[in-house]
């Protein structure tokens, strides 16, 4: 039973990384990094 629970947790982590992760091979001048930079400035931080 523990193996099934561990498998479910690992699949959940994989799905979260696939959904909310980012590609670290993008350079600092990529459109994604520009969007993130602008979004944090708009957020008031």
PDB file of N, CA and C in Angstrom:
ATOM      1  N   UNK A   1       0.818  -1.195   0.000  1.00  0.00           N
ATOM      2  CA  UNK A   1       0.000   0.000   0.000  1.00  0.00           C
ATOM      3  C   UNK A   1       0.866   1.266   0.000  1.00  0.00           C
ATOM      4  N   UNK A   2       2.002   1.204   0.714  1.00  0.00           N
ATOM      5  CA  UNK A   2       2.887   2.366   0.756  1.00  0.00           C
ATOM      6  C   UNK A   2       3.463   2.673  -0.619  1.00  0.00           C
ATOM      7  N   UNK A   3       3.699   1.627  -1.384  1.00  0.00           N
ATOM      8  CA  UNK A   3       4.255   1.821  -2.724  1.00  0.00           C
ATOM      9  C   UNK A   3       3.255   2.560  -3.609  1.00  0.00           C
ATOM     10  N   UNK A   4       1.994   2.242  -3.487  1.00  0.00           N
ATOM     11  CA  UNK A   4       0.960   2.918  -4.274  1.00  0.00           C
ATOM     12  C   UNK A   4       0.875   4.382  -3.866  1.00  0.00           C
ATOM     13  N   UNK A   5       0.920   4.657  -2.567  1.00  0.00           N
ATOM     14  CA  UNK A   5       0.873   6.041  -2.089  1.00  0.00           C
ATOM     15  C   UNK A   5       2.090   6.819  -2.578  1.00  0.00           C
ATOM     16  N   UNK A   6       3.263   6.210  -2.521  1.00  0.00           N
ATOM     17  CA  UNK A   6       4.476   6.857  -3.002  1.00  0.00           C
ATOM     18  C   UNK A   6       4.395   7.129  -4.498  1.00  0.00           C
ATOM     19  N   UNK A   7       3.877   6.198  -5.244  1.00  0.00           N
ATOM     20  CA  UNK A   7       3.716   6.382  -6.680  1.00  0.00           C
ATOM     21  C   UNK A   7       2.767   7.537  -6.985  1.00  0.00           C
ATOM     22  N   UNK A   8       1.681   7.635  -6.248  1.00  0.00           N
ATOM     23  CA  UNK A   8       0.725   8.734  -6.446  1.00  0.00           C
ATOM     24  C   UNK A   8       1.382  10.080  -6.144  1.00  0.00           C
ATOM     25  N   UNK A   9       2.163  10.146  -5.070  1.00  0.00           N
ATOM     26  CA  UNK A   9       2.858  11.391  -4.720  1.00  0.00           C
ATOM     27  C   UNK A   9       3.861  11.766  -5.803  1.00  0.00           C
ATOM     28  N   UNK A  10       4.612  10.801  -6.297  1.00  0.00           N
ATOM     29  CA  UNK A  10       5.582  11.085  -7.351  1.00  0.00           C
ATOM     30  C   UNK A  10       4.911  11.565  -8.633  1.00  0.00           C
ATOM     31  N   UNK A  11       3.801  10.962  -8.985  1.00  0.00           N
ATOM     32  CA  UNK A  11       3.064  11.398 -10.175  1.00  0.00           C
ATOM     33  C   UNK A  11       2.530  12.813  -9.967  1.00  0.00           C
ATOM     34  N   UNK A  12       2.068  13.128  -8.766  1.00  0.00           N
ATOM     35  CA  UNK A  12       1.572  14.476  -8.476  1.00  0.00           C
ATOM     36  C   UNK A  12       2.695  15.507  -8.596  1.00  0.00           C
ATOM     37  N   UNK A  13       3.880  15.186  -8.071  1.00  0.00           N
ATOM     38  CA  UNK A  13       5.020  16.097  -8.205  1.00  0.00           C
ATOM     39  C   UNK A  13       5.426  16.269  -9.661  1.00  0.00           C
ATOM     40  N   UNK A  14       5.406  15.205 -10.415  1.00  0.00           N
ATOM     41  CA  UNK A  14       5.747  15.279 -11.837  1.00  0.00           C
ATOM     42  C   UNK A  14       4.758  16.166 -12.586  1.00  0.00           C
ATOM     43  N   UNK A  15       3.476  16.005 -12.294  1.00  0.00           N
ATOM     44  CA  UNK A  15       2.452  16.830 -12.941  1.00  0.00           C
ATOM     45  C   UNK A  15       2.624  18.299 -12.566  1.00  0.00           C
ATOM     46  N   UNK A  16       2.941  18.581 -11.303  1.00  0.00           N
ATOM     47  CA  UNK A  16       3.150  19.966 -10.874  1.00  0.00           C
ATOM     48  C   UNK A  16       4.378  20.569 -11.554  1.00  0.00           C
ATOM     49  N   UNK A  17       5.451  19.810 -11.651  1.00  0.00           N
ATOM     50  CA  UNK A  17       6.656  20.307 -12.317  1.00  0.00           C
ATOM     51  C   UNK A  17       6.403  20.535 -13.797  1.00  0.00           C
ATOM     52  N   UNK A  18       5.636  19.664 -14.409  1.00  0.00           N
ATOM     53  CA  UNK A  18       5.318  19.819 -15.836  1.00  0.00           C
ATOM     54  C   UNK A  18       4.440  21.042 -16.060  1.00  0.00           C
ATOM     55  N   UNK A  19       3.510  21.296 -15.137  1.00  0.00           N
ATOM     56  CA  UNK A  19       2.570  22.405 -15.303  1.00  0.00           C
ATOM     57  C   UNK A  19       3.197  23.749 -14.947  1.00  0.00           C
ATOM     58  N   UNK A  20       3.878  23.833 -13.800  1.00  0.00           N
ATOM     59  CA  UNK A  20       4.365  25.117 -13.298  1.00  0.00           C
ATOM     60  C   UNK A  20       5.869  25.282 -13.397  1.00  0.00           C
ATOM     61  N   UNK A  21       6.565  24.315 -13.941  1.00  0.00           N
ATOM     62  CA  UNK A  21       8.010  24.421 -14.081  1.00  0.00           C
ATOM     63  C   UNK A  21       8.380  25.338 -15.237  1.00  0.00           C
ATOM     64  N   UNK A  22       9.655  25.588 -15.403  1.00  0.00           N
ATOM     65  CA  UNK A  22      10.110  26.404 -16.515  1.00  0.00           C
ATOM     66  C   UNK A  22      11.354  25.786 -17.116  1.00  0.00           C
ATOM     67  N   UNK A  23      11.645  26.175 -18.325  1.00  0.00           N
ATOM     68  CA  UNK A  23      12.800  25.656 -19.050  1.00  0.00           C
ATOM     69  C   UNK A  23      14.012  26.510 -18.706  1.00  0.00           C
ATOM     70  N   UNK A  24      14.960  25.953 -17.996  1.00  0.00           N
ATOM     71  CA  UNK A  24      16.121  26.729 -17.559  1.00  0.00           C
ATOM     72  C   UNK A  24      17.086  27.023 -18.704  1.00  0.00           C
ATOM     73  N   UNK A  25      16.841  26.475 -19.878  1.00  0.00           N
ATOM     74  CA  UNK A  25      17.726  26.758 -21.003  1.00  0.00           C
ATOM     75  C   UNK A  25      17.397  28.092 -21.668  1.00  0.00           C
ATOM     76  N   UNK A  26      16.295  28.727 -21.241  1.00  0.00           N
ATOM     77  CA  UNK A  26      15.975  30.056 -21.758  1.00  0.00           C
ATOM     78  C   UNK A  26      17.006  31.062 -21.263  1.00  0.00           C
ATOM     79  N   UNK A  27      17.407  31.959 -22.137  1.00  0.00           N
ATOM     80  CA  UNK A  27      18.333  33.006 -21.727  1.00  0.00           C
ATOM     81  C   UNK A  27      17.618  34.082 -20.917  1.00  0.00           C
ATOM     82  N   UNK A  28      18.388  34.982 -20.317  1.00  0.00           N
ATOM     83  CA  UNK A  28      17.781  36.030 -19.492  1.00  0.00           C
ATOM     84  C   UNK A  28      17.031  37.056 -20.334  1.00  0.00           C
ATOM     85  N   UNK A  29      17.248  37.071 -21.629  1.00  0.00           N
ATOM     86  CA  UNK A  29      16.547  38.010 -22.499  1.00  0.00           C
ATOM     87  C   UNK A  29      15.372  37.364 -23.222  1.00  0.00           C
ATOM     88  N   UNK A  30      14.962  36.182 -22.793  1.00  0.00           N
ATOM     89  CA  UNK A  30      13.842  35.521 -23.454  1.00  0.00           C
ATOM     90  C   UNK A  30      12.537  36.228 -23.102  1.00  0.00           C
ATOM     91  N   UNK A  31      11.519  36.002 -23.888  1.00  0.00           N
ATOM     92  CA  UNK A  31      10.222  36.646 -23.654  1.00  0.00           C
ATOM     93  C   UNK A  31       9.616  36.212 -22.325  1.00  0.00           C
ATOM     94  N   UNK A  32       9.853  34.971 -21.913  1.00  0.00           N
ATOM     95  CA  UNK A  32       9.309  34.497 -20.635  1.00  0.00           C
ATOM     96  C   UNK A  32       9.905  35.271 -19.466  1.00  0.00           C
ATOM     97  N   UNK A  33      11.218  35.474 -19.469  1.00  0.00           N
ATOM     98  CA  UNK A  33      11.836  36.215 -18.371  1.00  0.00           C
ATOM     99  C   UNK A  33      11.405  37.670 -18.391  1.00  0.00           C
ATOM    100  N   UNK A  34      11.227  38.264 -19.562  1.00  0.00           N
ATOM    101  CA  UNK A  34      10.728  39.640 -19.634  1.00  0.00           C
ATOM    102  C   UNK A  34       9.321  39.730 -19.063  1.00  0.00           C
ATOM    103  N   UNK A  35       8.476  38.752 -19.369  1.00  0.00           N
ATOM    104  CA  UNK A  35       7.111  38.750 -18.846  1.00  0.00           C
ATOM    105  C   UNK A  35       7.119  38.629 -17.326  1.00  0.00           C
ATOM    106  N   UNK A  36       7.942  37.739 -16.799  1.00  0.00           N
ATOM    107  CA  UNK A  36       8.007  37.579 -15.343  1.00  0.00           C
ATOM    108  C   UNK A  36       8.514  38.846 -14.670  1.00  0.00           C
ATOM    109  N   UNK A  37       9.499  39.491 -15.265  1.00  0.00           N
ATOM    110  CA  UNK A  37      10.043  40.718 -14.689  1.00  0.00           C
ATOM    111  C   UNK A  37       8.986  41.819 -14.671  1.00  0.00           C
ATOM    112  N   UNK A  38       8.265  41.972 -15.764  1.00  0.00           N
ATOM    113  CA  UNK A  38       7.222  42.997 -15.813  1.00  0.00           C
ATOM    114  C   UNK A  38       6.084  42.677 -14.858  1.00  0.00           C
ATOM    115  N   UNK A  39       5.746  41.399 -14.718  1.00  0.00           N
ATOM    116  CA  UNK A  39       4.638  41.016 -13.851  1.00  0.00           C
ATOM    117  C   UNK A  39       4.950  41.329 -12.392  1.00  0.00           C
ATOM    118  N   UNK A  40       6.184  41.110 -11.954  1.00  0.00           N
ATOM    119  CA  UNK A  40       6.521  41.404 -10.556  1.00  0.00           C
ATOM    120  C   UNK A  40       6.544  42.902 -10.306  1.00  0.00           C
ATOM    121  N   UNK A  41       6.926  43.702 -11.294  1.00  0.00           N
ATOM    122  CA  UNK A  41       6.905  45.154 -11.097  1.00  0.00           C
ATOM    123  C   UNK A  41       5.483  45.662 -11.026  1.00  0.00           C
ATOM    124  N   UNK A  42       4.583  45.102 -11.820  1.00  0.00           N
ATOM    125  CA  UNK A  42       3.184  45.520 -11.797  1.00  0.00           C
ATOM    126  C   UNK A  42       2.540  45.114 -10.484  1.00  0.00           C
ATOM    127  N   UNK A  43       2.990  44.000  -9.902  1.00  0.00           N
ATOM    128  CA  UNK A  43       2.425  43.505  -8.652  1.00  0.00           C
ATOM    129  C   UNK A  43       2.756  44.361  -7.447  1.00  0.00           C
ATOM    130  N   UNK A  44       3.611  45.352  -7.592  1.00  0.00           N
ATOM    131  CA  UNK A  44       3.900  46.265  -6.511  1.00  0.00           C
ATOM    132  C   UNK A  44       5.096  45.898  -5.657  1.00  0.00           C
ATOM    133  N   UNK A  45       5.883  44.940  -6.098  1.00  0.00           N
ATOM    134  CA  UNK A  45       7.052  44.561  -5.288  1.00  0.00           C
ATOM    135  C   UNK A  45       8.291  45.235  -5.781  1.00  0.00           C
TER     136      UNK A  45
END
